[in-house]
């Protein structure tokens, strides 16, 4: 995992005390005891408000998942354009066809194998790590993800 090598497992009491977001979630964070649990907890705390719409009472944004952006490029762009009342002067297919300049040529996205990219985590994580990540994210109230490659879809997303 590369970057995971420098992440410490769990959260120390000093870390929790020094960060208001961590302090607000201290009960959950005190049970985290692994690197994947720590990373999942940080991701969940950062994304739960948007994914759970707890701060989106006026529908000031639309939610697009990474998985939709990768697997349904045209539909995702169309949703954004419609929500913002914008139009582009080129066909949508043309607008989404180039890959990002930061995409590695070895990436499945570069070669058009988006679903392979989306399922990569199933190849590199152990069943225990996957279960830890899903359980941690669920503990923070994010139930969009399970062991499926694609997230659950909510009707108003």
C-alpha atoms as a PDB file:
ATOM      1  CA  UNK A   1       0.000   0.000   0.000  1.00  0.00           C
ATOM      2  CA  UNK A   2       3.020   2.277   0.131  1.00  0.00           C
ATOM      3  CA  UNK A   3       1.709   5.291   2.031  1.00  0.00           C
ATOM      4  CA  UNK A   4       0.102   3.008   4.609  1.00  0.00           C
ATOM      5  CA  UNK A   5       3.596   2.149   5.875  1.00  0.00           C
ATOM      6  CA  UNK A   6       3.880   5.526   7.598  1.00  0.00           C
ATOM      7  CA  UNK A   7       0.401   5.527   9.201  1.00  0.00           C
ATOM      8  CA  UNK A   8       0.170   4.590  12.851  1.00  0.00           C
ATOM      9  CA  UNK A   9      -2.641   2.282  13.925  1.00  0.00           C
ATOM     10  CA  UNK A  10      -5.460   3.692  16.014  1.00  0.00           C
ATOM     11  CA  UNK A  11      -5.606   7.079  17.716  1.00  0.00           C
ATOM     12  CA  UNK A  12      -3.785   8.202  20.834  1.00  0.00           C
ATOM     13  CA  UNK A  13      -5.632  10.077  23.577  1.00  0.00           C
ATOM     14  CA  UNK A  14      -3.416  13.108  22.849  1.00  0.00           C
ATOM     15  CA  UNK A  15      -4.391  13.069  19.153  1.00  0.00           C
ATOM     16  CA  UNK A  16      -8.063  12.878  20.028  1.00  0.00           C
ATOM     17  CA  UNK A  17      -7.802  15.686  22.572  1.00  0.00           C
ATOM     18  CA  UNK A  18      -5.926  17.990  20.173  1.00  0.00           C
ATOM     19  CA  UNK A  19      -8.435  17.778  17.302  1.00  0.00           C
ATOM     20  CA  UNK A  20     -12.044  18.930  17.656  1.00  0.00           C
ATOM     21  CA  UNK A  21     -13.350  16.538  14.988  1.00  0.00           C
ATOM     22  CA  UNK A  22     -11.555  13.665  16.697  1.00  0.00           C
ATOM     23  CA  UNK A  23     -12.810  14.838  20.092  1.00  0.00           C
ATOM     24  CA  UNK A  24     -16.399  14.874  18.777  1.00  0.00           C
ATOM     25  CA  UNK A  25     -15.951  11.232  17.753  1.00  0.00           C
ATOM     26  CA  UNK A  26     -13.776  10.091  20.659  1.00  0.00           C
ATOM     27  CA  UNK A  27     -15.992   7.144  21.587  1.00  0.00           C
ATOM     28  CA  UNK A  28     -15.665   5.619  18.138  1.00  0.00           C
ATOM     29  CA  UNK A  29     -12.002   6.535  17.693  1.00  0.00           C
ATOM     30  CA  UNK A  30     -10.977   4.962  20.987  1.00  0.00           C
ATOM     31  CA  UNK A  31     -12.002   1.564  19.545  1.00  0.00           C
ATOM     32  CA  UNK A  32      -9.932   1.907  16.360  1.00  0.00           C
ATOM     33  CA  UNK A  33      -6.789  -0.219  16.599  1.00  0.00           C
ATOM     34  CA  UNK A  34      -5.470  -0.684  13.059  1.00  0.00           C
ATOM     35  CA  UNK A  35      -4.046   1.312  10.168  1.00  0.00           C
ATOM     36  CA  UNK A  36      -7.021   0.538   7.918  1.00  0.00           C
ATOM     37  CA  UNK A  37      -9.407   1.411  10.740  1.00  0.00           C
ATOM     38  CA  UNK A  38      -7.647   4.755  11.250  1.00  0.00           C
ATOM     39  CA  UNK A  39      -7.752   5.624   7.554  1.00  0.00           C
ATOM     40  CA  UNK A  40     -11.395   4.534   7.270  1.00  0.00           C
ATOM     41  CA  UNK A  41     -12.335   6.599  10.336  1.00  0.00           C
ATOM     42  CA  UNK A  42     -10.655   9.728   8.958  1.00  0.00           C
ATOM     43  CA  UNK A  43     -12.344   9.199   5.575  1.00  0.00           C
ATOM     44  CA  UNK A  44     -15.736   8.636   7.235  1.00  0.00           C
ATOM     45  CA  UNK A  45     -15.489  11.689   9.494  1.00  0.00           C
ATOM     46  CA  UNK A  46     -14.571  13.814   6.474  1.00  0.00           C
ATOM     47  CA  UNK A  47     -17.266  12.456   4.163  1.00  0.00           C
ATOM     48  CA  UNK A  48     -20.190  11.483   6.420  1.00  0.00           C
ATOM     49  CA  UNK A  49     -21.803  14.949   6.507  1.00  0.00           C
ATOM     50  CA  UNK A  50     -22.072  15.076   2.713  1.00  0.00           C
ATOM     51  CA  UNK A  51     -22.935  11.412   2.200  1.00  0.00           C
ATOM     52  CA  UNK A  52     -25.525  11.428   4.968  1.00  0.00           C
ATOM     53  CA  UNK A  53     -26.815  14.840   3.909  1.00  0.00           C
ATOM     54  CA  UNK A  54     -26.674  16.034   7.494  1.00  0.00           C
ATOM     55  CA  UNK A  55     -25.637  19.499   6.351  1.00  0.00           C
ATOM     56  CA  UNK A  56     -27.387  19.572   2.974  1.00  0.00           C
ATOM     57  CA  UNK A  57     -30.872  20.603   3.994  1.00  0.00           C
ATOM     58  CA  UNK A  58     -31.171  23.097   1.153  1.00  0.00           C
ATOM     59  CA  UNK A  59     -29.700  20.784  -1.501  1.00  0.00           C
ATOM     60  CA  UNK A  60     -26.832  23.140  -2.200  1.00  0.00           C
ATOM     61  CA  UNK A  61     -24.861  20.374  -3.879  1.00  0.00           C
ATOM     62  CA  UNK A  62     -25.224  17.050  -5.581  1.00  0.00           C
ATOM     63  CA  UNK A  63     -23.352  13.982  -4.462  1.00  0.00           C
ATOM     64  CA  UNK A  64     -21.324  12.006  -6.961  1.00  0.00           C
ATOM     65  CA  UNK A  65     -19.315   9.016  -5.859  1.00  0.00           C
ATOM     66  CA  UNK A  66     -15.869   8.280  -7.193  1.00  0.00           C
ATOM     67  CA  UNK A  67     -17.265   5.021  -8.543  1.00  0.00           C
ATOM     68  CA  UNK A  68     -19.902   6.853 -10.599  1.00  0.00           C
ATOM     69  CA  UNK A  69     -17.352   9.334 -11.897  1.00  0.00           C
ATOM     70  CA  UNK A  70     -15.206   6.440 -13.099  1.00  0.00           C
ATOM     71  CA  UNK A  71     -17.899   4.071 -14.396  1.00  0.00           C
ATOM     72  CA  UNK A  72     -20.580   6.528 -15.582  1.00  0.00           C
ATOM     73  CA  UNK A  73     -18.569   9.501 -16.812  1.00  0.00           C
ATOM     74  CA  UNK A  74     -21.112  10.876 -19.257  1.00  0.00           C
ATOM     75  CA  UNK A  75     -24.091  10.456 -16.927  1.00  0.00           C
ATOM     76  CA  UNK A  76     -22.166  12.035 -14.045  1.00  0.00           C
ATOM     77  CA  UNK A  77     -21.113  15.057 -16.073  1.00  0.00           C
ATOM     78  CA  UNK A  78     -24.672  15.465 -17.365  1.00  0.00           C
ATOM     79  CA  UNK A  79     -25.990  15.469 -13.771  1.00  0.00           C
ATOM     80  CA  UNK A  80     -23.539  18.199 -12.796  1.00  0.00           C
ATOM     81  CA  UNK A  81     -24.328  20.325 -15.834  1.00  0.00           C
ATOM     82  CA  UNK A  82     -28.086  19.990 -15.298  1.00  0.00           C
ATOM     83  CA  UNK A  83     -27.856  20.732 -11.569  1.00  0.00           C
ATOM     84  CA  UNK A  84     -25.816  23.857 -12.224  1.00  0.00           C
ATOM     85  CA  UNK A  85     -27.829  24.929 -15.259  1.00  0.00           C
ATOM     86  CA  UNK A  86     -24.790  24.827 -17.516  1.00  0.00           C
ATOM     87  CA  UNK A  87     -24.246  23.790 -21.095  1.00  0.00           C
ATOM     88  CA  UNK A  88     -21.024  22.903 -22.858  1.00  0.00           C
ATOM     89  CA  UNK A  89     -20.296  23.477 -26.498  1.00  0.00           C
ATOM     90  CA  UNK A  90     -18.958  20.003 -27.206  1.00  0.00           C
ATOM     91  CA  UNK A  91     -20.606  16.583 -27.024  1.00  0.00           C
ATOM     92  CA  UNK A  92     -20.495  15.079 -23.532  1.00  0.00           C
ATOM     93  CA  UNK A  93     -18.728  11.980 -24.888  1.00  0.00           C
ATOM     94  CA  UNK A  94     -15.917  14.224 -26.102  1.00  0.00           C
ATOM     95  CA  UNK A  95     -15.725  16.109 -22.814  1.00  0.00           C
ATOM     96  CA  UNK A  96     -15.181  12.947 -20.768  1.00  0.00           C
ATOM     97  CA  UNK A  97     -13.045  10.964 -23.198  1.00  0.00           C
ATOM     98  CA  UNK A  98      -9.565  12.205 -22.301  1.00  0.00           C
ATOM     99  CA  UNK A  99      -8.040  10.737 -19.173  1.00  0.00           C
ATOM    100  CA  UNK A 100      -6.474  13.056 -16.657  1.00  0.00           C
ATOM    101  CA  UNK A 101      -2.899  14.076 -17.263  1.00  0.00           C
ATOM    102  CA  UNK A 102      -2.110  12.702 -13.814  1.00  0.00           C
ATOM    103  CA  UNK A 103      -3.403   9.208 -14.659  1.00  0.00           C
ATOM    104  CA  UNK A 104      -0.553   6.723 -14.853  1.00  0.00           C
ATOM    105  CA  UNK A 105      -0.287   4.793 -18.115  1.00  0.00           C
ATOM    106  CA  UNK A 106      -0.270   1.586 -16.032  1.00  0.00           C
ATOM    107  CA  UNK A 107      -3.684   2.443 -14.538  1.00  0.00           C
ATOM    108  CA  UNK A 108      -6.724   0.491 -15.731  1.00  0.00           C
ATOM    109  CA  UNK A 109      -8.489   3.861 -16.124  1.00  0.00           C
ATOM    110  CA  UNK A 110      -5.883   4.875 -18.712  1.00  0.00           C
ATOM    111  CA  UNK A 111      -6.636   1.799 -20.804  1.00  0.00           C
ATOM    112  CA  UNK A 112     -10.412   2.099 -20.373  1.00  0.00           C
ATOM    113  CA  UNK A 113     -10.789  -0.713 -17.827  1.00  0.00           C
ATOM    114  CA  UNK A 114     -12.636   1.347 -15.233  1.00  0.00           C
ATOM    115  CA  UNK A 115     -14.279  -1.550 -13.405  1.00  0.00           C
ATOM    116  CA  UNK A 116     -10.898  -3.193 -12.943  1.00  0.00           C
ATOM    117  CA  UNK A 117      -9.694   0.009 -11.268  1.00  0.00           C
ATOM    118  CA  UNK A 118     -12.764   0.085  -9.024  1.00  0.00           C
ATOM    119  CA  UNK A 119     -12.272  -3.506  -7.871  1.00  0.00           C
ATOM    120  CA  UNK A 120      -8.531  -3.175  -7.238  1.00  0.00           C
ATOM    121  CA  UNK A 121      -9.040  -2.905  -3.481  1.00  0.00           C
ATOM    122  CA  UNK A 122     -10.469  -6.434  -3.452  1.00  0.00           C
ATOM    123  CA  UNK A 123      -7.161  -7.701  -4.841  1.00  0.00           C
ATOM    124  CA  UNK A 124      -4.853  -5.920  -2.410  1.00  0.00           C
ATOM    125  CA  UNK A 125      -6.778  -5.937   0.877  1.00  0.00           C
ATOM    126  CA  UNK A 126      -7.326  -9.029   3.003  1.00  0.00           C
ATOM    127  CA  UNK A 127     -10.877 -10.073   3.952  1.00  0.00           C
ATOM    128  CA  UNK A 128     -10.108  -8.923   7.510  1.00  0.00           C
ATOM    129  CA  UNK A 129      -8.975  -5.482   6.313  1.00  0.00           C
ATOM    130  CA  UNK A 130     -12.075  -5.125   4.132  1.00  0.00           C
ATOM    131  CA  UNK A 131     -14.333  -6.055   7.043  1.00  0.00           C
ATOM    132  CA  UNK A 132     -12.526  -3.580   9.323  1.00  0.00           C
ATOM    133  CA  UNK A 133     -12.885  -0.750   6.809  1.00  0.00           C
ATOM    134  CA  UNK A 134     -16.580  -1.425   6.128  1.00  0.00           C
ATOM    135  CA  UNK A 135     -17.414  -1.800   9.817  1.00  0.00           C
ATOM    136  CA  UNK A 136     -15.526   1.378  10.715  1.00  0.00           C
ATOM    137  CA  UNK A 137     -17.212   3.419   7.987  1.00  0.00           C
ATOM    138  CA  UNK A 138     -20.602   1.996   9.009  1.00  0.00           C
ATOM    139  CA  UNK A 139     -19.899   2.898  12.668  1.00  0.00           C
ATOM    140  CA  UNK A 140     -19.645   6.526  11.548  1.00  0.00           C
ATOM    141  CA  UNK A 141     -23.063   6.296   9.916  1.00  0.00           C
ATOM    142  CA  UNK A 142     -21.947   5.892   6.317  1.00  0.00           C
ATOM    143  CA  UNK A 143     -23.859   2.920   4.940  1.00  0.00           C
ATOM    144  CA  UNK A 144     -23.236   3.627   1.270  1.00  0.00           C
ATOM    145  CA  UNK A 145     -20.522   0.986   1.064  1.00  0.00           C
ATOM    146  CA  UNK A 146     -20.365  -2.748   1.611  1.00  0.00           C
ATOM    147  CA  UNK A 147     -18.292  -5.493  -0.024  1.00  0.00           C
ATOM    148  CA  UNK A 148     -19.734  -4.709  -3.457  1.00  0.00           C
ATOM    149  CA  UNK A 149     -17.607  -2.833  -5.957  1.00  0.00           C
ATOM    150  CA  UNK A 150     -20.256  -0.166  -6.479  1.00  0.00           C
ATOM    151  CA  UNK A 151     -21.833   1.798  -3.622  1.00  0.00           C
ATOM    152  CA  UNK A 152     -25.502   1.542  -2.811  1.00  0.00           C
ATOM    153  CA  UNK A 153     -27.465   4.197  -4.649  1.00  0.00           C
ATOM    154  CA  UNK A 154     -29.857   6.485  -2.887  1.00  0.00           C
ATOM    155  CA  UNK A 155     -32.871   7.707  -4.870  1.00  0.00           C
ATOM    156  CA  UNK A 156     -31.955  11.408  -4.690  1.00  0.00           C
ATOM    157  CA  UNK A 157     -28.249  11.115  -5.489  1.00  0.00           C
END
